[in-house]
N, C-alpha and C. Protein backbone atom coordinates (compact mmCIF):
# COMPACT_ATOMS: atom_id res chain seq x y z
N MET A 1 0.78 -1.25 -0.09
CA MET A 1 -0.12 0.06 0.11
C MET A 1 0.84 1.26 0.07
N ILE A 2 0.70 2.14 -0.94
CA ILE A 2 1.28 3.35 -1.03
C ILE A 2 0.72 4.34 0.06
N ASN A 3 1.40 4.94 0.90
CA ASN A 3 0.99 5.69 1.85
C ASN A 3 1.39 7.19 1.65
N LYS A 4 0.43 8.12 1.73
CA LYS A 4 0.60 9.36 1.76
C LYS A 4 0.53 9.90 3.19
N CYS A 5 1.60 10.45 3.65
CA CYS A 5 1.76 11.02 5.15
C CYS A 5 2.02 12.36 5.04
N TRP A 6 1.40 13.27 5.96
CA TRP A 6 1.95 14.54 6.28
C TRP A 6 1.94 14.98 7.68
N PHE A 7 2.89 15.84 8.14
CA PHE A 7 3.09 16.20 9.37
C PHE A 7 2.50 17.70 9.58
N ILE A 8 1.64 17.90 10.45
CA ILE A 8 0.94 19.10 10.52
C ILE A 8 1.60 19.87 11.88
N THR A 9 2.25 21.11 11.48
CA THR A 9 2.60 21.88 12.59
C THR A 9 2.01 23.35 12.34
N GLY A 10 2.31 24.21 13.33
CA GLY A 10 1.70 25.47 13.39
C GLY A 10 2.59 26.56 13.77
N THR A 11 2.04 27.66 13.52
CA THR A 11 2.79 28.82 13.84
C THR A 11 2.95 29.15 15.48
N ASP A 12 2.01 28.54 16.30
CA ASP A 12 1.99 28.53 17.70
C ASP A 12 1.08 27.39 18.29
N THR A 13 0.78 27.44 19.44
CA THR A 13 -0.28 26.53 19.99
C THR A 13 -1.44 27.12 19.99
N ASN A 14 -2.57 26.44 20.05
CA ASN A 14 -4.04 26.96 19.86
C ASN A 14 -4.21 27.80 18.65
N ILE A 15 -3.66 27.37 17.42
CA ILE A 15 -3.87 28.13 16.15
C ILE A 15 -4.79 27.48 15.31
N GLY A 16 -5.42 26.30 15.48
CA GLY A 16 -6.11 25.51 14.62
C GLY A 16 -5.60 24.17 13.81
N LYS A 17 -4.57 23.62 14.44
CA LYS A 17 -3.99 22.30 13.73
C LYS A 17 -4.91 21.26 13.75
N THR A 18 -5.63 21.07 14.68
CA THR A 18 -6.75 20.05 14.58
C THR A 18 -7.82 20.20 13.70
N ILE A 19 -8.28 21.56 13.72
CA ILE A 19 -9.30 21.96 12.81
C ILE A 19 -8.90 21.84 11.31
N ALA A 20 -7.63 22.10 10.87
CA ALA A 20 -7.30 22.04 9.76
C ALA A 20 -7.01 20.55 9.35
N SER A 21 -6.50 19.73 10.15
CA SER A 21 -6.20 18.25 10.03
C SER A 21 -7.68 17.45 9.83
N VAL A 22 -8.61 17.93 10.52
CA VAL A 22 -9.97 17.32 10.26
C VAL A 22 -10.42 17.65 8.98
N PHE A 23 -10.36 18.87 8.34
CA PHE A 23 -10.86 19.13 7.08
C PHE A 23 -9.90 18.39 6.06
N LEU A 24 -8.73 18.25 6.21
CA LEU A 24 -7.96 17.41 5.36
C LEU A 24 -8.13 16.03 5.34
N LEU A 25 -8.73 15.44 6.63
CA LEU A 25 -9.19 13.97 6.45
C LEU A 25 -10.63 13.99 5.94
N LYS A 26 -11.51 14.92 6.06
CA LYS A 26 -12.87 15.03 5.41
C LYS A 26 -12.56 14.96 3.85
N THR A 27 -11.82 15.80 3.39
CA THR A 27 -11.42 15.89 2.10
C THR A 27 -11.07 14.73 1.42
N ALA A 28 -10.04 13.98 2.15
CA ALA A 28 -9.50 12.66 1.57
C ALA A 28 -10.71 11.55 1.81
N ASN A 29 -11.39 11.56 2.77
CA ASN A 29 -12.38 10.59 2.95
C ASN A 29 -13.39 10.65 1.59
N GLN A 30 -13.76 12.03 1.21
CA GLN A 30 -14.63 12.22 0.20
C GLN A 30 -14.11 11.56 -1.16
N LEU A 31 -12.63 11.66 -1.36
CA LEU A 31 -11.92 11.37 -2.50
C LEU A 31 -11.79 9.65 -2.48
N GLY A 32 -12.14 8.89 -1.36
CA GLY A 32 -11.94 7.60 -1.43
C GLY A 32 -10.87 7.00 -0.60
N TYR A 33 -9.95 8.00 0.09
CA TYR A 33 -8.88 7.36 0.55
C TYR A 33 -9.13 6.60 1.86
N LEU A 34 -8.42 5.55 2.23
CA LEU A 34 -8.26 5.07 3.66
C LEU A 34 -7.61 5.95 4.65
N THR A 35 -8.27 6.78 5.43
CA THR A 35 -7.67 7.76 6.18
C THR A 35 -7.43 7.31 7.66
N ALA A 36 -6.48 8.10 8.15
CA ALA A 36 -6.18 7.91 9.66
C ALA A 36 -5.52 9.24 10.15
N GLY A 37 -6.09 9.73 11.38
CA GLY A 37 -5.51 10.90 11.92
C GLY A 37 -4.56 10.19 12.97
N TYR A 38 -3.36 10.77 13.27
CA TYR A 38 -2.39 10.30 14.25
C TYR A 38 -2.02 11.54 15.17
N LYS A 39 -2.22 11.42 16.30
CA LYS A 39 -1.84 12.42 17.25
C LYS A 39 -0.87 11.82 18.20
N PRO A 40 0.28 11.70 18.05
CA PRO A 40 1.38 10.77 18.92
C PRO A 40 1.36 11.25 20.34
N VAL A 41 1.47 12.59 20.38
CA VAL A 41 1.55 13.16 21.83
C VAL A 41 0.56 14.27 22.21
N SER A 42 -0.32 14.05 23.25
CA SER A 42 -1.34 15.02 23.48
C SER A 42 -1.37 15.39 24.92
N SER A 43 -1.63 16.60 25.14
CA SER A 43 -1.69 17.08 26.62
C SER A 43 -3.19 17.64 26.78
N GLY A 44 -3.72 17.40 27.96
CA GLY A 44 -4.99 17.94 28.29
C GLY A 44 -6.13 16.87 27.94
N MET A 45 -6.84 16.21 28.87
CA MET A 45 -7.97 15.50 28.79
C MET A 45 -9.10 15.86 29.51
N LYS A 46 -10.29 15.33 29.03
CA LYS A 46 -11.48 15.61 29.75
C LYS A 46 -12.42 14.44 29.32
N LYS A 47 -13.53 14.16 30.18
CA LYS A 47 -14.46 13.09 29.91
C LYS A 47 -15.31 13.10 28.80
N ILE A 48 -15.04 12.27 27.71
CA ILE A 48 -15.66 12.42 26.60
C ILE A 48 -15.71 10.72 26.04
N ASP A 49 -16.29 10.42 25.17
CA ASP A 49 -16.26 9.15 24.60
C ASP A 49 -16.93 8.25 25.67
N HIS A 50 -17.97 8.18 26.07
CA HIS A 50 -18.71 7.57 26.99
C HIS A 50 -18.10 7.63 28.33
N GLY A 51 -17.69 8.76 28.73
CA GLY A 51 -17.21 9.02 30.05
C GLY A 51 -15.86 8.76 30.22
N ASN A 52 -15.05 8.28 29.28
CA ASN A 52 -13.58 8.03 29.38
C ASN A 52 -12.92 9.23 29.31
N PHE A 53 -11.69 9.30 29.85
CA PHE A 53 -10.89 10.54 29.68
C PHE A 53 -10.16 10.54 28.48
N ARG A 54 -10.45 11.58 27.50
CA ARG A 54 -9.65 11.43 26.32
C ARG A 54 -9.29 12.92 26.01
N ASN A 55 -8.13 13.01 25.01
CA ASN A 55 -7.67 14.43 24.46
C ASN A 55 -8.66 14.69 23.38
N ASN A 56 -9.43 15.69 23.26
CA ASN A 56 -10.38 16.10 22.38
C ASN A 56 -9.86 15.91 20.94
N ASP A 57 -8.54 16.44 20.67
CA ASP A 57 -8.05 16.40 19.24
C ASP A 57 -7.95 15.00 18.94
N ALA A 58 -7.45 14.00 19.70
CA ALA A 58 -7.34 12.60 19.25
C ALA A 58 -8.74 11.98 19.22
N TYR A 59 -9.57 12.39 19.83
CA TYR A 59 -10.95 11.79 19.88
C TYR A 59 -11.70 12.29 18.47
N LEU A 60 -11.46 13.55 18.07
CA LEU A 60 -11.88 14.12 16.82
C LEU A 60 -11.20 13.25 15.54
N PHE A 61 -9.96 12.79 15.69
CA PHE A 61 -9.17 12.26 14.87
C PHE A 61 -9.89 10.71 14.50
N LYS A 62 -10.08 10.21 15.81
CA LYS A 62 -10.75 8.97 15.75
C LYS A 62 -12.20 8.85 15.08
N LYS A 63 -12.84 9.86 15.21
CA LYS A 63 -14.24 10.24 14.77
C LYS A 63 -14.08 10.30 13.14
N PHE A 64 -13.08 11.12 12.64
CA PHE A 64 -13.02 11.29 11.20
C PHE A 64 -12.13 10.51 10.45
N SER A 65 -11.42 9.66 10.98
CA SER A 65 -10.59 8.66 10.35
C SER A 65 -11.58 7.64 9.63
N SER A 66 -11.45 7.19 8.31
CA SER A 66 -12.26 6.40 7.77
C SER A 66 -11.90 4.83 8.12
N VAL A 67 -10.89 4.58 8.56
CA VAL A 67 -10.74 3.18 9.04
C VAL A 67 -10.96 3.19 10.49
N ILE A 68 -11.14 1.94 10.92
CA ILE A 68 -11.60 1.79 12.36
C ILE A 68 -10.21 1.66 13.20
N LEU A 69 -10.02 2.52 14.09
CA LEU A 69 -8.82 2.66 15.04
C LEU A 69 -9.09 2.79 16.43
N SER A 70 -8.21 2.33 17.25
CA SER A 70 -8.50 2.33 18.78
C SER A 70 -7.98 3.69 19.18
N TYR A 71 -8.35 4.14 20.46
CA TYR A 71 -7.81 5.46 20.86
C TYR A 71 -6.39 5.28 20.87
N LYS A 72 -5.87 4.23 21.36
CA LYS A 72 -4.18 4.10 21.58
C LYS A 72 -3.62 4.09 20.31
N ASP A 73 -4.29 3.68 19.21
CA ASP A 73 -3.66 3.49 17.92
C ASP A 73 -3.38 5.08 17.51
N ILE A 74 -4.21 5.84 17.76
CA ILE A 74 -4.28 7.41 17.43
C ILE A 74 -3.39 8.19 18.31
N ASN A 75 -3.50 7.73 19.63
CA ASN A 75 -2.76 8.74 20.62
C ASN A 75 -2.06 7.83 21.62
N PRO A 76 -0.75 7.49 21.35
CA PRO A 76 0.03 6.53 22.22
C PRO A 76 0.42 7.32 23.50
N PHE A 77 0.88 8.51 23.54
CA PHE A 77 1.39 9.32 24.66
C PHE A 77 0.11 10.43 24.92
N SER A 78 -0.50 10.36 25.97
CA SER A 78 -1.69 11.19 26.34
C SER A 78 -1.44 11.46 27.86
N PHE A 79 -1.40 12.82 28.17
CA PHE A 79 -1.05 13.39 29.35
C PHE A 79 -2.39 14.39 29.77
N MET A 80 -2.70 14.17 31.11
CA MET A 80 -3.98 14.60 31.47
C MET A 80 -4.05 16.20 31.77
N LEU A 81 -2.85 16.67 32.01
CA LEU A 81 -2.80 18.11 32.18
C LEU A 81 -2.29 18.81 30.81
N GLU A 82 -2.47 20.17 30.71
CA GLU A 82 -1.88 20.90 29.66
C GLU A 82 -0.62 21.59 29.77
N SER A 83 0.41 21.10 29.11
CA SER A 83 1.50 21.85 29.22
C SER A 83 2.50 21.41 28.08
N SER A 84 3.76 21.81 28.10
CA SER A 84 4.62 21.30 26.93
C SER A 84 4.87 19.89 27.45
N PRO A 85 4.97 18.88 26.32
CA PRO A 85 5.01 17.50 26.45
C PRO A 85 6.37 17.05 27.37
N HIS A 86 7.46 17.75 27.12
CA HIS A 86 8.62 17.34 27.93
C HIS A 86 8.39 17.61 29.48
N ILE A 87 7.68 18.65 29.78
CA ILE A 87 7.51 19.05 31.21
C ILE A 87 6.74 18.01 31.78
N LEU A 88 5.77 17.50 31.06
CA LEU A 88 4.78 16.54 31.76
C LEU A 88 5.33 15.17 31.79
N SER A 89 6.26 14.93 30.70
CA SER A 89 6.91 13.54 30.66
C SER A 89 7.84 13.33 31.95
N ILE A 90 8.51 14.57 32.28
CA ILE A 90 9.43 14.46 33.50
C ILE A 90 8.74 14.22 34.84
N HIS A 91 7.44 15.10 34.84
CA HIS A 91 6.48 15.02 36.05
C HIS A 91 6.15 13.55 36.38
N GLN A 92 5.83 13.08 35.05
CA GLN A 92 5.09 11.70 35.36
C GLN A 92 6.12 10.52 35.33
N ASN A 93 7.36 10.88 34.91
CA ASN A 93 8.48 9.87 34.69
C ASN A 93 8.03 8.98 33.36
N ILE A 94 7.62 9.54 32.51
CA ILE A 94 7.40 8.93 31.10
C ILE A 94 8.23 9.20 30.04
N THR A 95 9.05 8.29 29.39
CA THR A 95 9.73 8.83 28.36
C THR A 95 9.09 8.76 27.00
N ILE A 96 8.88 9.98 26.35
CA ILE A 96 8.51 9.94 24.91
C ILE A 96 9.35 9.47 23.96
N ASP A 97 9.27 8.16 23.56
CA ASP A 97 10.29 7.50 23.00
C ASP A 97 9.93 7.51 21.34
N PHE A 98 10.98 7.77 20.60
CA PHE A 98 10.78 8.03 19.32
C PHE A 98 10.31 6.77 18.42
N GLN A 99 11.14 5.65 19.02
CA GLN A 99 10.70 4.42 18.50
C GLN A 99 9.26 4.17 18.47
N LYS A 100 8.69 4.45 19.66
CA LYS A 100 7.22 4.11 19.88
C LYS A 100 6.32 5.11 18.98
N LEU A 101 6.83 6.34 18.68
CA LEU A 101 6.17 7.12 17.89
C LEU A 101 6.03 6.58 16.48
N SER A 102 7.36 6.12 15.94
CA SER A 102 7.58 5.41 14.77
C SER A 102 6.70 4.17 14.61
N LEU A 103 6.62 3.47 15.57
CA LEU A 103 5.95 2.06 15.52
C LEU A 103 4.50 2.37 15.50
N GLY A 104 3.91 3.26 16.08
CA GLY A 104 2.47 3.74 15.90
C GLY A 104 2.15 4.20 14.44
N LEU A 105 3.11 4.84 13.89
CA LEU A 105 2.98 5.18 12.45
C LEU A 105 2.91 4.17 11.52
N SER A 106 3.77 3.11 11.84
CA SER A 106 3.95 2.08 10.92
C SER A 106 2.60 1.20 11.16
N VAL A 107 2.10 0.98 12.09
CA VAL A 107 0.96 0.31 12.37
C VAL A 107 -0.32 0.93 11.51
N LEU A 108 -0.33 2.28 11.67
CA LEU A 108 -1.45 2.92 10.76
C LEU A 108 -1.23 2.70 9.28
N LYS A 109 0.13 2.57 8.88
CA LYS A 109 0.34 2.55 7.45
C LYS A 109 -0.20 1.21 6.85
N LYS A 110 -0.34 0.20 7.72
CA LYS A 110 -0.89 -1.16 7.23
C LYS A 110 -2.24 -0.96 6.89
N THR A 111 -3.12 -0.10 7.34
CA THR A 111 -4.68 -0.15 6.99
C THR A 111 -4.96 1.21 6.36
N SER A 112 -4.06 2.28 6.39
CA SER A 112 -4.40 3.46 5.82
C SER A 112 -3.40 3.87 4.66
N ASN A 113 -3.93 4.69 3.86
CA ASN A 113 -3.07 5.27 2.70
C ASN A 113 -3.10 6.83 2.68
N PHE A 114 -3.67 7.31 3.72
CA PHE A 114 -3.75 8.76 3.73
C PHE A 114 -3.74 9.05 5.26
N ILE A 115 -2.53 9.55 5.78
CA ILE A 115 -2.24 9.85 7.05
C ILE A 115 -2.00 11.24 7.54
N ILE A 116 -2.76 11.88 8.26
CA ILE A 116 -2.49 13.25 8.97
C ILE A 116 -1.91 12.96 10.24
N ILE A 117 -0.67 13.56 10.50
CA ILE A 117 -0.01 13.47 11.85
C ILE A 117 0.00 14.91 12.50
N GLU A 118 -0.52 15.06 13.57
CA GLU A 118 -0.61 16.42 14.04
C GLU A 118 0.42 16.40 15.18
N GLY A 119 1.25 17.48 15.19
CA GLY A 119 2.24 17.70 16.23
C GLY A 119 1.57 18.40 17.41
N ALA A 120 2.50 18.93 18.32
CA ALA A 120 1.99 19.58 19.50
C ALA A 120 2.66 20.91 19.50
N GLY A 121 1.90 22.05 19.61
CA GLY A 121 2.39 23.47 19.74
C GLY A 121 3.07 23.79 18.41
N GLY A 122 4.34 24.37 18.43
CA GLY A 122 4.94 24.79 17.14
C GLY A 122 6.06 23.89 16.67
N TRP A 123 6.86 24.30 15.74
CA TRP A 123 7.78 23.33 15.08
C TRP A 123 8.67 22.63 16.23
N TYR A 124 9.28 23.73 16.98
CA TYR A 124 10.43 23.05 17.95
C TYR A 124 9.88 22.67 19.33
N THR A 125 8.68 22.34 19.50
CA THR A 125 8.24 21.96 20.81
C THR A 125 9.04 20.64 21.18
N PRO A 126 9.53 20.87 22.52
CA PRO A 126 10.31 19.72 23.00
C PRO A 126 9.70 18.56 23.36
N LEU A 127 10.22 17.34 23.01
CA LEU A 127 9.65 16.22 23.84
C LEU A 127 10.54 15.55 24.78
N SER A 128 11.52 16.23 24.99
CA SER A 128 12.49 15.71 26.15
C SER A 128 13.45 16.99 26.47
N ASN A 129 14.44 16.90 27.25
CA ASN A 129 15.29 17.96 27.30
C ASN A 129 16.40 18.02 26.22
N ILE A 130 16.34 17.06 25.35
CA ILE A 130 17.56 16.98 24.37
C ILE A 130 16.76 16.73 22.89
N GLN A 131 15.49 16.54 22.76
CA GLN A 131 15.02 16.37 21.41
C GLN A 131 13.68 17.04 21.36
N THR A 132 13.56 17.52 20.13
CA THR A 132 12.31 18.30 19.81
C THR A 132 11.22 17.36 18.93
N TYR A 133 9.91 17.80 18.69
CA TYR A 133 9.13 17.19 17.53
C TYR A 133 9.85 17.25 16.17
N ALA A 134 10.43 18.45 16.02
CA ALA A 134 11.19 18.43 14.73
C ALA A 134 12.15 17.19 14.32
N ASP A 135 12.89 16.91 15.45
CA ASP A 135 13.77 15.75 15.28
C ASP A 135 13.23 14.48 14.98
N TRP A 136 12.06 14.33 15.47
CA TRP A 136 11.32 13.07 14.95
C TRP A 136 10.84 13.21 13.59
N VAL A 137 10.22 14.30 13.17
CA VAL A 137 9.82 14.56 11.75
C VAL A 137 10.93 14.19 10.89
N LYS A 138 12.29 14.79 11.35
CA LYS A 138 13.34 14.64 10.39
C LYS A 138 13.72 13.17 10.23
N VAL A 139 13.55 12.26 11.38
CA VAL A 139 13.79 10.89 11.39
C VAL A 139 12.96 10.26 10.37
N GLU A 140 11.63 10.47 10.34
CA GLU A 140 10.68 9.96 9.46
C GLU A 140 10.55 10.65 8.16
N LYS A 141 11.36 11.80 7.93
CA LYS A 141 11.25 12.42 6.57
C LYS A 141 10.24 12.63 6.15
N LEU A 142 9.20 13.30 7.06
CA LEU A 142 7.94 13.67 6.59
C LEU A 142 7.70 15.04 5.99
N PRO A 143 6.91 14.96 4.95
CA PRO A 143 6.52 16.47 4.35
C PRO A 143 5.66 17.11 5.38
N VAL A 144 5.62 18.33 5.45
CA VAL A 144 5.22 19.26 6.26
C VAL A 144 4.17 20.13 5.86
N ILE A 145 3.05 20.31 6.61
CA ILE A 145 1.92 21.26 6.26
C ILE A 145 1.98 22.33 7.58
N LEU A 146 1.97 23.46 7.00
CA LEU A 146 1.98 24.55 8.15
C LEU A 146 0.57 25.27 8.30
N ILE A 147 0.12 25.30 9.48
CA ILE A 147 -1.29 25.80 9.66
C ILE A 147 -0.81 27.31 10.49
N VAL A 148 -1.36 28.41 9.70
CA VAL A 148 -1.04 29.78 10.08
C VAL A 148 -2.27 30.16 10.82
N GLY A 149 -2.13 30.45 12.12
CA GLY A 149 -3.38 31.17 12.87
C GLY A 149 -3.18 32.67 12.53
N ILE A 150 -4.26 32.98 11.88
CA ILE A 150 -4.43 34.59 11.38
C ILE A 150 -4.50 35.37 12.50
N LYS A 151 -3.47 36.09 12.99
CA LYS A 151 -3.56 37.14 13.88
C LYS A 151 -2.52 38.12 13.72
N LEU A 152 -2.38 39.12 14.70
CA LEU A 152 -1.21 39.93 14.59
C LEU A 152 -0.08 39.36 15.04
N GLY A 153 1.07 39.24 14.21
CA GLY A 153 2.41 38.63 14.35
C GLY A 153 2.51 37.28 13.71
N CYS A 154 1.44 36.92 12.90
CA CYS A 154 1.46 35.50 12.23
C CYS A 154 2.51 35.59 11.08
N ILE A 155 2.61 36.70 10.50
CA ILE A 155 3.54 36.80 9.37
C ILE A 155 5.05 36.46 9.68
N ASN A 156 5.52 37.21 10.77
CA ASN A 156 6.73 36.79 11.26
C ASN A 156 6.92 35.26 11.75
N HIS A 157 5.71 34.79 12.54
CA HIS A 157 5.93 33.44 12.93
C HIS A 157 5.92 32.38 11.76
N ALA A 158 5.07 32.79 10.65
CA ALA A 158 5.21 31.67 9.53
C ALA A 158 6.40 31.89 8.87
N ILE A 159 7.03 32.99 8.60
CA ILE A 159 8.41 32.88 7.93
C ILE A 159 9.35 32.32 8.74
N LEU A 160 9.25 32.38 10.03
CA LEU A 160 10.39 31.85 10.78
C LEU A 160 10.10 30.29 10.78
N THR A 161 8.87 29.77 10.94
CA THR A 161 8.71 28.36 10.81
C THR A 161 8.99 27.72 9.49
N GLN A 162 8.79 28.57 8.44
CA GLN A 162 9.20 28.15 7.14
C GLN A 162 10.63 27.73 7.03
N ASN A 163 11.41 28.93 7.62
CA ASN A 163 12.89 28.73 7.35
C ASN A 163 13.47 27.56 8.17
N ALA A 164 12.90 27.39 9.27
CA ALA A 164 13.19 26.09 10.23
C ALA A 164 12.86 24.87 9.53
N ILE A 165 11.72 24.76 8.82
CA ILE A 165 11.31 23.47 8.01
C ILE A 165 12.14 23.27 7.04
N LEU A 166 12.45 24.14 6.09
CA LEU A 166 13.31 24.17 4.94
C LEU A 166 14.93 23.73 5.35
N SER A 167 15.32 24.40 6.49
CA SER A 167 16.63 24.21 7.08
C SER A 167 16.81 22.73 7.59
N SER A 168 15.79 21.94 7.64
CA SER A 168 15.62 20.66 8.11
C SER A 168 15.65 19.69 6.84
N ASN A 169 15.89 20.43 5.63
CA ASN A 169 15.83 19.60 4.38
C ASN A 169 14.52 18.73 4.30
N LEU A 170 13.44 19.18 4.76
CA LEU A 170 12.18 18.51 4.50
C LEU A 170 11.37 19.04 3.59
N PHE A 171 10.39 18.43 2.84
CA PHE A 171 9.49 19.09 1.97
C PHE A 171 8.35 19.83 2.59
N PHE A 172 8.41 21.01 2.23
CA PHE A 172 7.25 21.98 2.76
C PHE A 172 6.21 21.90 1.74
N SER A 173 5.15 21.05 2.02
CA SER A 173 4.06 20.89 1.00
C SER A 173 2.92 21.92 0.84
N GLY A 174 2.83 22.88 1.78
CA GLY A 174 1.81 23.96 1.73
C GLY A 174 1.34 24.33 3.13
N TRP A 175 0.41 25.48 2.98
CA TRP A 175 0.17 26.02 4.29
C TRP A 175 -1.29 26.23 4.11
N ILE A 176 -1.98 26.39 5.44
CA ILE A 176 -3.33 26.65 5.55
C ILE A 176 -3.58 27.70 6.42
N ALA A 177 -4.47 28.72 5.94
CA ALA A 177 -4.99 29.96 6.94
C ALA A 177 -6.04 29.71 7.64
N ASN A 178 -5.79 29.90 8.94
CA ASN A 178 -7.11 29.55 9.96
C ASN A 178 -7.38 30.85 10.70
N THR A 179 -8.59 31.27 10.57
CA THR A 179 -9.12 32.48 11.35
C THR A 179 -9.22 32.09 12.74
N ILE A 180 -8.60 32.66 13.60
CA ILE A 180 -8.90 32.05 15.14
C ILE A 180 -9.33 33.21 16.01
N THR A 181 -9.89 34.22 15.59
CA THR A 181 -10.72 35.26 16.04
C THR A 181 -11.84 35.62 15.12
N PRO A 182 -13.10 36.04 15.91
CA PRO A 182 -14.27 36.27 14.90
C PRO A 182 -13.89 37.69 14.18
N LYS A 183 -13.26 38.59 14.49
CA LYS A 183 -12.96 39.75 13.69
C LYS A 183 -11.48 40.00 13.67
N ILE A 184 -10.95 40.17 12.46
CA ILE A 184 -9.65 40.60 12.24
C ILE A 184 -9.48 41.59 11.31
N LYS A 185 -8.57 42.60 11.50
CA LYS A 185 -8.28 43.61 10.71
C LYS A 185 -7.14 43.24 9.68
N PHE A 186 -7.45 43.72 8.36
CA PHE A 186 -6.62 43.52 7.40
C PHE A 186 -6.30 42.16 6.93
N TYR A 187 -7.50 41.28 7.06
CA TYR A 187 -7.29 39.79 6.80
C TYR A 187 -6.79 39.60 5.47
N GLN A 188 -7.28 40.14 4.39
CA GLN A 188 -6.77 40.05 2.96
C GLN A 188 -5.26 40.50 2.87
N GLU A 189 -5.05 41.49 3.43
CA GLU A 189 -3.51 42.00 3.25
C GLU A 189 -2.83 41.16 3.95
N THR A 190 -3.08 40.49 5.13
CA THR A 190 -2.45 39.44 5.74
C THR A 190 -2.06 38.14 4.74
N ILE A 191 -3.21 37.79 4.27
CA ILE A 191 -3.00 36.51 3.30
C ILE A 191 -2.20 36.93 2.21
N MET A 192 -2.50 37.99 1.61
CA MET A 192 -1.45 38.35 0.24
C MET A 192 -0.11 38.52 0.72
N THR A 193 0.32 38.98 1.92
CA THR A 193 1.64 38.95 2.37
C THR A 193 2.34 37.59 2.67
N LEU A 194 1.36 36.77 3.28
CA LEU A 194 1.89 35.34 3.55
C LEU A 194 2.04 34.56 2.05
N LYS A 195 1.18 34.85 1.08
CA LYS A 195 1.53 34.35 -0.20
C LYS A 195 2.68 34.79 -0.83
N LYS A 196 3.16 36.02 -0.54
CA LYS A 196 4.34 36.49 -1.07
C LYS A 196 5.72 35.89 -0.40
N TYR A 197 5.62 35.67 0.93
CA TYR A 197 6.75 35.13 1.64
C TYR A 197 6.82 33.50 1.88
N LEU A 198 5.67 32.98 1.69
CA LEU A 198 5.57 31.43 1.86
C LEU A 198 5.76 30.75 0.61
N THR A 199 6.74 29.90 0.26
CA THR A 199 6.97 29.31 -1.00
C THR A 199 6.14 28.22 -1.47
N PRO A 200 5.34 27.49 -0.58
CA PRO A 200 4.55 26.43 -1.08
C PRO A 200 3.07 27.02 -1.29
N PRO A 201 2.17 26.25 -1.86
CA PRO A 201 0.85 26.91 -2.10
C PRO A 201 0.12 27.01 -1.04
N LEU A 202 -1.00 27.95 -0.90
CA LEU A 202 -2.00 27.95 0.01
C LEU A 202 -3.08 26.86 -0.19
N LEU A 203 -3.37 25.89 0.74
CA LEU A 203 -4.14 24.86 0.46
C LEU A 203 -5.57 25.20 0.74
N GLY A 204 -5.80 26.20 1.41
CA GLY A 204 -7.24 26.67 1.87
C GLY A 204 -7.30 27.59 3.12
N GLU A 205 -8.50 28.28 3.11
CA GLU A 205 -8.49 29.39 4.22
C GLU A 205 -9.83 28.83 4.88
N ILE A 206 -9.71 28.82 6.28
CA ILE A 206 -10.78 28.37 7.39
C ILE A 206 -11.27 29.70 8.00
N PRO A 207 -12.74 29.84 7.79
CA PRO A 207 -13.19 30.85 8.66
C PRO A 207 -13.22 30.66 10.06
N TYR A 208 -13.53 31.69 10.88
CA TYR A 208 -13.77 31.52 12.19
C TYR A 208 -14.60 30.47 12.67
N ILE A 209 -14.39 29.53 13.39
CA ILE A 209 -15.31 28.34 13.96
C ILE A 209 -15.23 28.55 15.45
N LYS A 210 -16.49 28.87 15.84
CA LYS A 210 -16.55 29.04 17.37
C LYS A 210 -16.36 27.72 18.21
N ASN A 211 -17.00 26.63 17.74
CA ASN A 211 -17.17 25.37 18.38
C ASN A 211 -16.64 24.28 17.53
N ILE A 212 -15.41 23.72 17.80
CA ILE A 212 -14.67 22.71 16.81
C ILE A 212 -15.64 21.39 16.85
N ASN A 213 -16.34 21.20 17.92
CA ASN A 213 -17.24 19.97 17.97
C ASN A 213 -18.40 19.96 16.93
N ASN A 214 -18.57 21.17 16.27
CA ASN A 214 -19.65 21.21 15.19
C ASN A 214 -18.95 21.18 13.85
N ILE A 215 -18.14 20.63 13.81
CA ILE A 215 -17.18 20.55 12.52
C ILE A 215 -17.69 19.54 11.39
N SER A 216 -18.43 18.60 12.02
CA SER A 216 -19.22 17.62 11.13
C SER A 216 -20.03 18.29 10.06
N ASP A 217 -20.55 19.36 10.45
CA ASP A 217 -21.86 20.07 9.73
C ASP A 217 -21.20 21.04 8.83
N ILE A 218 -19.94 21.44 8.90
CA ILE A 218 -19.15 22.50 8.09
C ILE A 218 -18.22 21.83 6.99
N ASN A 219 -18.47 22.38 5.79
CA ASN A 219 -17.55 21.77 4.70
C ASN A 219 -16.80 23.09 4.27
N ILE A 220 -15.38 22.92 4.09
CA ILE A 220 -14.67 24.00 3.76
C ILE A 220 -13.60 23.34 2.52
N ASN A 221 -13.61 23.96 1.60
CA ASN A 221 -12.75 23.83 0.35
C ASN A 221 -11.14 23.82 0.73
N ILE A 222 -10.82 22.54 1.01
CA ILE A 222 -9.27 22.54 1.39
C ILE A 222 -8.64 21.48 0.22
N ARG A 223 -7.39 21.93 -0.36
CA ARG A 223 -6.81 21.11 -1.48
C ARG A 223 -6.04 20.26 -0.75
N LEU A 224 -5.83 19.09 -1.26
CA LEU A 224 -4.79 18.18 -0.81
C LEU A 224 -3.50 18.51 -1.25
N PRO A 225 -2.40 18.31 -0.54
CA PRO A 225 -1.10 18.53 -1.09
C PRO A 225 -0.61 17.52 -2.12
N GLN A 226 0.13 17.90 -3.00
CA GLN A 226 0.79 17.10 -3.93
C GLN A 226 1.89 16.19 -3.29
């Protein structure tokens, strides 16, 4: 089975990586792919899924993957509190092991031919005191999609993240603009500037969505990367 896999990173935390990932899965589902969402490391859990504690991002991935997956298939490292993964791993004495992350991905590749892998926070989020998420992406040689949370300062953050991705000798497949506040000044000017400075194509624009859990009823035109 030929697998299409992309790593989803963002210009910051809470800028819409999960929303964009779900729309990518929905588009791929409509095109007939066998899809899987993979959230290797998550922080922050609440009671969902019949009263079980789950990370909401991973839960949405389970819901919108076209293949049947267990929660552990989607989210092997799940921490109850919200913080940087390396801080939580130290406090709970749990090592976020690259081999386990890669093993989880290899399992998904057996049943899926379109896999969206969502990181945590931004590009250089630490997974330990010596390794970042970017280090694992380099090990797996994954192409990258950048989610830009449209707000003041996002242009600088997007350019910096692009430079970091390209310096890792990874393929930068595209970017998605996500509107994270209900009203933003100079939206079109911001998009035009981002188009000028970011080298890969804009795959889609997501309007402000107040409640991510209503995403089933929303259709957004997102292009799949090449």
